[in-house]
Amino acid sequence: MWPRLVASKILRKRLGSNNFVADFPSNTGTLLEPPSLDDEESLRSNTIFNDHGQKTQNYKVFVSTWNVGGVTPTDDLNMEDLLDASNTSCDIYVLGFQEVVPLKATNVLGSENRRITTTWNSLIRETLNKKACGRDRNEGKPKEKKIAFLSRDGKPIESSIPQEFHCIISKQMVGILISVWVRSDLRPYTRNPSVSCVGCGIMRCLGNKGSVSVRFQLHETSFCFVCSHLASGGRQGDEKYRNSNAADILSRTSFPRGPSLDLQRKILDHDLVIFLGDLNYRISLPESATRLLVTTGEWDALLEHDQLRTELMDGQVFEGWHEGTIKFPPTYKYYPNSDEYYGGVESKKGEKKRPPAW
């Protein structure tokens, strides 16, 4: 017991740090005045009114997760397919990554490599602002949109702000990285961004496994996104370790109170919560049967034996949560830059089989 307590004391400050990277300080009151929701020109076409006459905004949120296997991205990495920015116009983008650094001792115990975060955020910024906001052909600058603001004396003013995407929160813990981006006209509406890290790895406290959770408020709605990397292992019963990791994350994640005591502190206190990441649940079938069903594209048959779905139905984990519809092949585990699964016909000598899974 004592080694875990000692490690927890030593690492708590680093893993539990509330610092995060953003394009603007978390307290933006001195940078931009909050936009006026009472000005009709500031309302988007997706504004609706509820039964109480209150104005309600509908926004599209894009969420993606990717285990990059400890590979540092090149400067020319094309992320357009991942973000689908050319075909989908979203208001908020949430990108989760796992193993942005190799999970070796020097990375788990050493200081964070912030250059990795900078590299990924630069690629995200370039992709989103290249496709999503559009460009004036003559000037090559982002198109501008008139937005109404209130000055300190309460008088409405107008300001032209380029409709680019800005990072409001980005946080890395060892190999886990989450980055949240919003349109520039939404940024003044976002408040109280914060992060909370939970280490579930070695001795149940190191950051080689665990989660980085972020929260913020958009208008009057609170959001929480949990980027996780749960325990690995393909042996029977290993799913119980993953269940334990998930329970630890939900119970141990705690956000700072901030200037207002009524801010949400726990994950489930928020209005909207999305749990994403490499959950590491496997398919409980013999490897040969799994590979055959993958080859024939029988996803429903595979999902009947998916560990996460089984544990959900049995009430062992994520009680009350809902998983999105799966209509795509298992994402684990491919050879780099290929569509071939590990351990296939051309497997290398001594290589782990790694049956496909989601």
Protein backbone atom coordinates (compact mmCIF):
# COMPACT_ATOMS: atom_id res chain seq x y z
CA MET A 1 0.00 0.00 0.00
CA TRP A 2 2.71 2.51 0.93
CA PRO A 3 4.45 2.61 -2.50
CA ARG A 4 1.15 3.69 -4.05
CA LEU A 5 0.65 6.38 -1.40
CA VAL A 6 4.19 7.70 -1.90
CA ALA A 7 3.82 7.71 -5.68
CA SER A 8 0.46 9.43 -5.39
CA LYS A 9 1.95 12.17 -3.20
CA ILE A 10 4.86 12.70 -5.58
CA LEU A 11 2.82 12.72 -8.78
CA ARG A 12 -0.37 14.40 -7.61
CA LYS A 13 0.83 17.89 -8.41
CA ARG A 14 1.85 17.03 -11.98
CA LEU A 15 -1.07 14.75 -12.86
CA GLY A 16 -3.61 16.91 -11.09
CA SER A 17 -2.38 20.20 -12.50
CA ASN A 18 -5.18 22.56 -13.50
CA ASN A 19 -3.00 24.30 -16.08
CA PHE A 20 -3.91 23.94 -19.74
CA VAL A 21 -3.03 25.41 -23.11
CA ALA A 22 -5.43 27.79 -24.89
CA ASP A 23 -5.38 30.56 -27.46
CA PHE A 24 -6.69 32.98 -24.85
CA PRO A 25 -6.53 33.23 -21.06
CA SER A 26 -9.38 31.46 -19.27
CA ASN A 27 -10.51 34.82 -17.91
CA THR A 28 -11.33 36.67 -21.13
CA GLY A 29 -13.34 39.50 -19.64
CA THR A 30 -10.64 42.04 -20.45
CA LEU A 31 -10.30 40.86 -24.06
CA LEU A 32 -13.85 40.83 -25.40
CA GLU A 33 -17.14 41.96 -23.99
CA PRO A 34 -19.78 39.19 -23.91
CA PRO A 35 -22.04 39.33 -26.98
CA SER A 36 -25.61 40.45 -26.50
CA LEU A 37 -28.15 37.68 -26.88
CA ASP A 38 -30.86 40.35 -27.05
CA ASP A 39 -29.62 41.76 -30.34
CA GLU A 40 -31.42 40.07 -33.23
CA GLU A 41 -28.40 40.44 -35.50
CA SER A 42 -26.36 38.25 -33.17
CA LEU A 43 -28.78 35.33 -33.46
CA ARG A 44 -27.86 32.57 -35.86
CA SER A 45 -30.36 30.88 -38.16
CA ASN A 46 -30.41 27.88 -35.82
CA THR A 47 -31.97 29.86 -32.96
CA ILE A 48 -35.26 28.45 -31.68
CA PHE A 49 -37.57 29.34 -28.81
CA ASN A 50 -38.69 26.88 -26.16
CA ASP A 51 -42.10 26.70 -24.46
CA HIS A 52 -41.05 29.40 -22.00
CA GLY A 53 -40.07 31.86 -24.71
CA GLN A 54 -36.36 31.44 -23.99
CA LYS A 55 -33.89 31.59 -26.85
CA THR A 56 -32.14 28.29 -27.49
CA GLN A 57 -29.17 27.75 -29.77
CA ASN A 58 -28.52 24.47 -31.59
CA TYR A 59 -24.88 23.65 -32.27
CA LYS A 60 -23.09 20.78 -33.97
CA VAL A 61 -20.29 19.10 -32.01
CA PHE A 62 -17.66 16.92 -33.68
CA VAL A 63 -15.91 14.39 -31.40
CA SER A 64 -13.11 12.06 -32.47
CA THR A 65 -10.56 9.82 -30.77
CA TRP A 66 -7.34 8.35 -32.14
CA ASN A 67 -4.63 6.17 -30.62
CA VAL A 68 -1.59 7.24 -32.63
CA GLY A 69 0.69 4.51 -31.25
CA GLY A 70 3.48 6.76 -30.00
CA VAL A 71 4.23 8.11 -33.48
CA THR A 72 5.09 11.80 -33.73
CA PRO A 73 3.12 13.44 -36.56
CA THR A 74 4.96 14.93 -39.49
CA ASP A 75 4.44 18.58 -40.33
CA ASP A 76 2.64 17.64 -43.55
CA LEU A 77 0.22 15.14 -41.96
CA ASN A 78 -3.16 15.47 -43.69
CA MET A 79 -5.94 15.58 -41.08
CA GLU A 80 -8.74 16.58 -43.44
CA ASP A 81 -10.17 13.05 -43.60
CA LEU A 82 -10.20 12.76 -39.81
CA LEU A 83 -11.87 16.13 -39.23
CA ASP A 84 -14.08 15.83 -42.32
CA ALA A 85 -14.02 19.61 -42.41
CA SER A 86 -14.68 19.76 -46.15
CA ASN A 87 -18.01 17.89 -45.84
CA THR A 88 -19.17 18.73 -42.33
CA SER A 89 -19.60 22.17 -40.82
CA CYS A 90 -19.50 21.92 -37.04
CA ASP A 91 -19.40 24.58 -34.36
CA ILE A 92 -17.26 22.75 -31.80
CA TYR A 93 -14.48 20.22 -32.41
CA VAL A 94 -13.21 17.91 -29.66
CA LEU A 95 -10.16 15.81 -30.54
CA GLY A 96 -8.88 13.11 -28.21
CA PHE A 97 -5.58 11.28 -28.66
CA GLN A 98 -3.87 8.41 -26.89
CA GLU A 99 -0.18 7.47 -26.93
CA VAL A 100 0.98 10.78 -28.37
CA VAL A 101 4.28 9.68 -26.83
CA PRO A 102 5.54 6.10 -26.40
CA LEU A 103 4.46 4.73 -23.00
CA LYS A 104 7.97 4.03 -21.74
CA ALA A 105 9.30 4.83 -18.27
CA THR A 106 11.03 8.08 -19.24
CA ASN A 107 7.76 9.49 -20.59
CA VAL A 108 5.55 8.15 -17.80
CA LEU A 109 7.81 9.40 -14.99
CA GLY A 110 9.46 12.36 -16.70
CA SER A 111 8.18 15.81 -17.59
CA GLU A 112 5.64 16.25 -20.36
CA ASN A 113 6.84 16.87 -23.90
CA ARG A 114 4.91 20.02 -24.73
CA ARG A 115 6.24 20.07 -28.27
CA ILE A 116 3.93 17.16 -29.05
CA THR A 117 0.90 19.17 -27.95
CA THR A 118 2.07 22.14 -30.01
CA THR A 119 2.55 19.97 -33.09
CA TRP A 120 -0.90 18.38 -32.90
CA ASN A 121 -2.62 21.70 -32.20
CA SER A 122 -0.84 23.32 -35.13
CA LEU A 123 -2.09 20.59 -37.46
CA ILE A 124 -5.64 20.89 -36.12
CA ARG A 125 -5.61 24.67 -36.46
CA GLU A 126 -4.34 24.54 -40.03
CA THR A 127 -6.96 21.98 -41.08
CA LEU A 128 -9.97 23.62 -39.43
CA ASN A 129 -9.14 27.14 -40.56
CA LYS A 130 -8.26 26.03 -44.07
CA LYS A 131 -11.60 24.38 -44.78
CA ALA A 132 -14.21 25.52 -42.33
CA CYS A 133 -14.12 29.30 -42.34
CA GLY A 134 -13.60 29.98 -46.05
CA ARG A 135 -11.21 32.51 -47.56
CA ASP A 136 -11.60 35.74 -49.48
CA ARG A 137 -10.00 35.07 -52.84
CA ASN A 138 -8.65 38.59 -53.21
CA GLU A 139 -7.14 39.00 -49.76
CA GLY A 140 -6.61 35.40 -48.72
CA LYS A 141 -8.05 36.22 -45.30
CA PRO A 142 -10.86 34.58 -43.35
CA LYS A 143 -14.32 35.89 -44.14
CA GLU A 144 -15.66 38.26 -41.53
CA LYS A 145 -19.05 38.43 -39.90
CA LYS A 146 -20.67 41.29 -38.00
CA ILE A 147 -21.34 40.37 -34.38
CA ALA A 148 -23.16 42.48 -31.79
CA PHE A 149 -21.53 43.20 -28.43
CA LEU A 150 -22.42 45.14 -25.33
CA SER A 151 -19.95 47.70 -24.07
CA ARG A 152 -19.37 48.24 -20.35
CA ASP A 153 -22.01 51.00 -20.30
CA GLY A 154 -24.58 48.65 -21.83
CA LYS A 155 -24.65 50.22 -25.31
CA PRO A 156 -24.57 47.86 -28.31
CA ILE A 157 -21.53 47.97 -30.56
CA GLU A 158 -20.50 45.98 -33.60
CA SER A 159 -17.25 44.18 -34.18
CA SER A 160 -15.94 42.21 -37.14
CA ILE A 161 -14.25 39.00 -36.04
CA PRO A 162 -12.70 36.49 -38.47
CA GLN A 163 -14.71 33.27 -38.35
CA GLU A 164 -11.81 31.03 -37.50
CA PHE A 165 -11.58 28.25 -34.93
CA HIS A 166 -9.74 28.84 -31.69
CA CYS A 167 -8.48 26.43 -29.06
CA ILE A 168 -10.22 27.02 -25.73
CA ILE A 169 -8.69 24.03 -23.88
CA SER A 170 -5.83 21.67 -24.62
CA LYS A 171 -4.34 19.36 -22.02
CA GLN A 172 -1.83 16.49 -22.10
CA MET A 173 -1.13 13.86 -19.44
CA VAL A 174 1.69 11.54 -20.56
CA GLY A 175 0.21 10.00 -23.75
CA ILE A 176 -3.35 11.31 -23.39
CA LEU A 177 -4.16 14.59 -25.14
CA ILE A 178 -7.47 16.38 -25.58
CA SER A 179 -7.99 19.57 -27.57
CA VAL A 180 -11.23 21.59 -27.82
CA TRP A 181 -11.87 24.15 -30.56
CA VAL A 182 -14.77 26.57 -31.08
CA ARG A 183 -15.67 29.13 -33.72
CA SER A 184 -14.43 32.62 -32.93
CA ASP A 185 -17.96 34.03 -32.61
CA LEU A 186 -18.75 31.40 -29.94
CA ARG A 187 -15.62 31.93 -27.89
CA PRO A 188 -16.98 34.95 -25.97
CA TYR A 189 -19.91 32.78 -24.89
CA THR A 190 -17.65 30.08 -23.41
CA ARG A 191 -16.87 30.41 -19.72
CA ASN A 192 -15.15 28.58 -16.87
CA PRO A 193 -12.88 26.21 -18.82
CA SER A 194 -11.08 23.75 -16.58
CA VAL A 195 -9.32 20.37 -16.60
CA SER A 196 -8.95 17.39 -14.29
CA CYS A 197 -6.49 14.50 -14.69
CA VAL A 198 -6.79 11.01 -13.21
CA GLY A 199 -3.96 8.48 -13.39
CA CYS A 200 -5.06 4.82 -13.44
CA GLY A 201 -1.82 3.20 -14.61
CA ILE A 202 0.94 1.63 -12.56
CA MET A 203 -0.06 1.50 -8.87
CA ARG A 204 -3.39 2.99 -9.99
CA CYS A 205 -1.90 6.47 -10.03
CA LEU A 206 0.58 6.84 -12.91
CA GLY A 207 -0.54 8.50 -16.11
CA ASN A 208 0.25 5.77 -18.62
CA LYS A 209 -3.47 4.96 -18.29
CA GLY A 210 -6.27 7.17 -17.05
CA SER A 211 -8.10 10.24 -18.27
CA VAL A 212 -7.95 13.93 -19.00
CA SER A 213 -11.34 15.58 -18.54
CA VAL A 214 -12.24 19.09 -19.66
CA ARG A 215 -15.27 21.17 -18.85
CA PHE A 216 -16.64 24.53 -19.95
CA GLN A 217 -19.92 26.38 -20.21
CA LEU A 218 -21.44 27.55 -23.49
CA HIS A 219 -24.21 30.04 -22.80
CA GLU A 220 -26.03 28.37 -19.88
CA THR A 221 -25.14 24.77 -20.75
CA SER A 222 -22.26 22.92 -19.10
CA PHE A 223 -20.17 20.48 -21.16
CA CYS A 224 -17.75 17.79 -20.00
CA PHE A 225 -15.56 15.68 -22.29
CA VAL A 226 -13.56 12.79 -20.84
CA CYS A 227 -10.62 11.55 -22.93
CA SER A 228 -9.45 8.20 -21.59
CA HIS A 229 -7.06 5.32 -22.11
CA LEU A 230 -8.14 2.26 -20.12
CA ALA A 231 -6.27 -0.90 -19.12
CA SER A 232 -5.13 -3.14 -21.96
CA GLY A 233 -5.02 -6.93 -22.06
CA GLY A 234 -6.77 -9.60 -24.10
CA ARG A 235 -7.05 -12.34 -21.49
CA GLN A 236 -10.35 -13.45 -20.06
CA GLY A 237 -11.28 -11.22 -17.14
CA ASP A 238 -9.16 -8.24 -18.23
CA GLU A 239 -12.35 -6.33 -18.95
CA LYS A 240 -12.82 -6.05 -15.17
CA TYR A 241 -9.69 -3.88 -14.99
CA ARG A 242 -11.18 -1.62 -17.63
CA ASN A 243 -14.42 -1.43 -15.66
CA SER A 244 -12.39 -0.48 -12.59
CA ASN A 245 -10.54 2.25 -14.52
CA ALA A 246 -13.82 3.74 -15.74
CA ALA A 247 -15.26 3.72 -12.21
CA ASP A 248 -12.10 5.37 -10.86
CA ILE A 249 -12.29 8.09 -13.50
CA LEU A 250 -15.94 8.85 -12.75
CA SER A 251 -15.38 8.94 -8.99
CA ARG A 252 -11.96 10.61 -8.78
CA THR A 253 -12.34 13.34 -11.41
CA SER A 254 -12.92 16.65 -9.66
CA PHE A 255 -12.81 20.11 -11.18
CA PRO A 256 -11.77 23.19 -9.18
CA ARG A 257 -14.55 25.31 -7.72
CA GLY A 258 -13.40 28.43 -9.49
CA PRO A 259 -14.74 31.89 -8.66
CA SER A 260 -18.31 30.58 -8.41
CA LEU A 261 -19.22 27.96 -5.83
CA ASP A 262 -22.09 26.65 -7.96
CA LEU A 263 -19.81 25.32 -10.73
CA GLN A 264 -20.05 21.61 -11.47
CA ARG A 265 -17.22 19.62 -9.90
CA LYS A 266 -17.96 16.00 -10.85
CA ILE A 267 -18.32 14.55 -14.34
CA LEU A 268 -21.97 13.56 -14.01
CA ASP A 269 -22.96 16.99 -12.66
CA HIS A 270 -22.73 18.50 -16.16
CA ASP A 271 -25.58 18.95 -18.63
CA LEU A 272 -23.83 17.09 -21.45
CA VAL A 273 -21.07 14.49 -20.96
CA ILE A 274 -19.18 12.54 -23.62
CA PHE A 275 -16.73 9.77 -22.68
CA LEU A 276 -14.25 9.09 -25.49
CA GLY A 277 -10.92 7.39 -25.95
CA ASP A 278 -9.20 4.04 -26.29
CA LEU A 279 -11.34 1.98 -23.92
CA ASN A 280 -9.49 -1.22 -24.90
CA TYR A 281 -12.51 -3.54 -24.65
CA ARG A 282 -12.10 -6.63 -26.84
CA ILE A 283 -14.33 -9.15 -28.63
CA SER A 284 -14.96 -12.33 -26.63
CA LEU A 285 -14.64 -14.80 -29.50
CA PRO A 286 -11.88 -17.12 -30.69
CA GLU A 287 -9.44 -15.22 -32.86
CA SER A 288 -10.28 -17.22 -35.99
CA ALA A 289 -14.00 -16.52 -35.60
CA THR A 290 -13.34 -12.82 -35.02
CA ARG A 291 -11.19 -12.49 -38.13
CA LEU A 292 -13.74 -14.38 -40.24
CA LEU A 293 -16.59 -12.08 -39.18
CA VAL A 294 -14.40 -9.05 -39.85
CA THR A 295 -13.62 -10.36 -43.34
CA THR A 296 -17.33 -10.86 -44.10
CA GLY A 297 -18.28 -7.49 -42.59
CA GLU A 298 -20.74 -8.91 -40.05
CA TRP A 299 -20.50 -6.10 -37.51
CA ASP A 300 -23.72 -6.98 -35.67
CA ALA A 301 -22.50 -10.53 -35.05
CA LEU A 302 -19.23 -9.16 -33.69
CA LEU A 303 -21.00 -6.63 -31.48
CA GLU A 304 -22.99 -9.40 -29.81
CA HIS A 305 -19.67 -10.48 -28.27
CA ASP A 306 -18.21 -7.01 -27.72
CA GLN A 307 -17.00 -6.75 -24.12
CA LEU A 308 -18.12 -3.16 -23.63
CA ARG A 309 -21.63 -3.89 -24.87
CA THR A 310 -21.82 -6.99 -22.67
CA GLU A 311 -20.61 -5.12 -19.60
CA LEU A 312 -23.09 -2.31 -20.30
CA MET A 313 -26.00 -4.73 -20.58
CA ASP A 314 -24.96 -6.49 -17.37
CA GLY A 315 -24.76 -3.17 -15.51
CA GLN A 316 -21.07 -3.62 -14.70
CA VAL A 317 -19.91 -0.29 -16.13
CA PHE A 318 -21.28 3.03 -17.45
CA GLU A 319 -24.73 2.49 -15.99
CA GLY A 320 -27.22 4.77 -17.72
CA TRP A 321 -24.83 5.68 -20.55
CA HIS A 322 -25.54 5.19 -24.26
CA GLU A 323 -23.03 4.13 -26.90
CA GLY A 324 -23.20 5.53 -30.41
CA THR A 325 -24.19 3.38 -33.37
CA ILE A 326 -21.32 1.32 -34.81
CA LYS A 327 -21.43 0.77 -38.57
CA PHE A 328 -17.73 0.52 -39.32
CA PRO A 329 -14.97 -2.13 -39.11
CA PRO A 330 -13.05 -2.74 -35.88
CA THR A 331 -10.43 -0.04 -35.43
CA TYR A 332 -7.86 -2.17 -33.58
CA LYS A 333 -5.17 -2.82 -34.63
CA TYR A 334 -3.76 -1.95 -38.03
CA TYR A 335 -0.24 -1.93 -39.34
CA PRO A 336 0.85 1.72 -39.72
CA ASN A 337 -0.27 3.34 -42.98
CA SER A 338 -2.24 0.29 -44.11
CA ASP A 339 -5.63 -1.42 -43.98
CA GLU A 340 -4.14 -4.69 -42.74
CA TYR A 341 -4.74 -5.90 -39.19
CA TYR A 342 -1.90 -7.06 -36.96
CA GLY A 343 -1.40 -10.81 -36.80
CA GLY A 344 -2.91 -11.55 -40.18
CA VAL A 345 -1.62 -13.90 -42.85
CA GLU A 346 1.63 -11.98 -43.19
CA SER A 347 2.32 -11.67 -39.48
CA LYS A 348 5.95 -11.40 -38.49
CA LYS A 349 7.69 -13.99 -36.35
CA GLY A 350 7.19 -13.33 -32.65
CA GLU A 351 4.55 -10.67 -33.31
CA LYS A 352 1.50 -10.57 -31.04
CA LYS A 353 -1.69 -11.72 -32.73
CA ARG A 354 -3.90 -8.83 -31.51
CA PRO A 355 -7.35 -9.95 -32.75
CA PRO A 356 -9.41 -7.07 -34.22
CA ALA A 357 -11.66 -5.13 -31.85
CA TRP A 358 -13.26 -1.74 -31.36
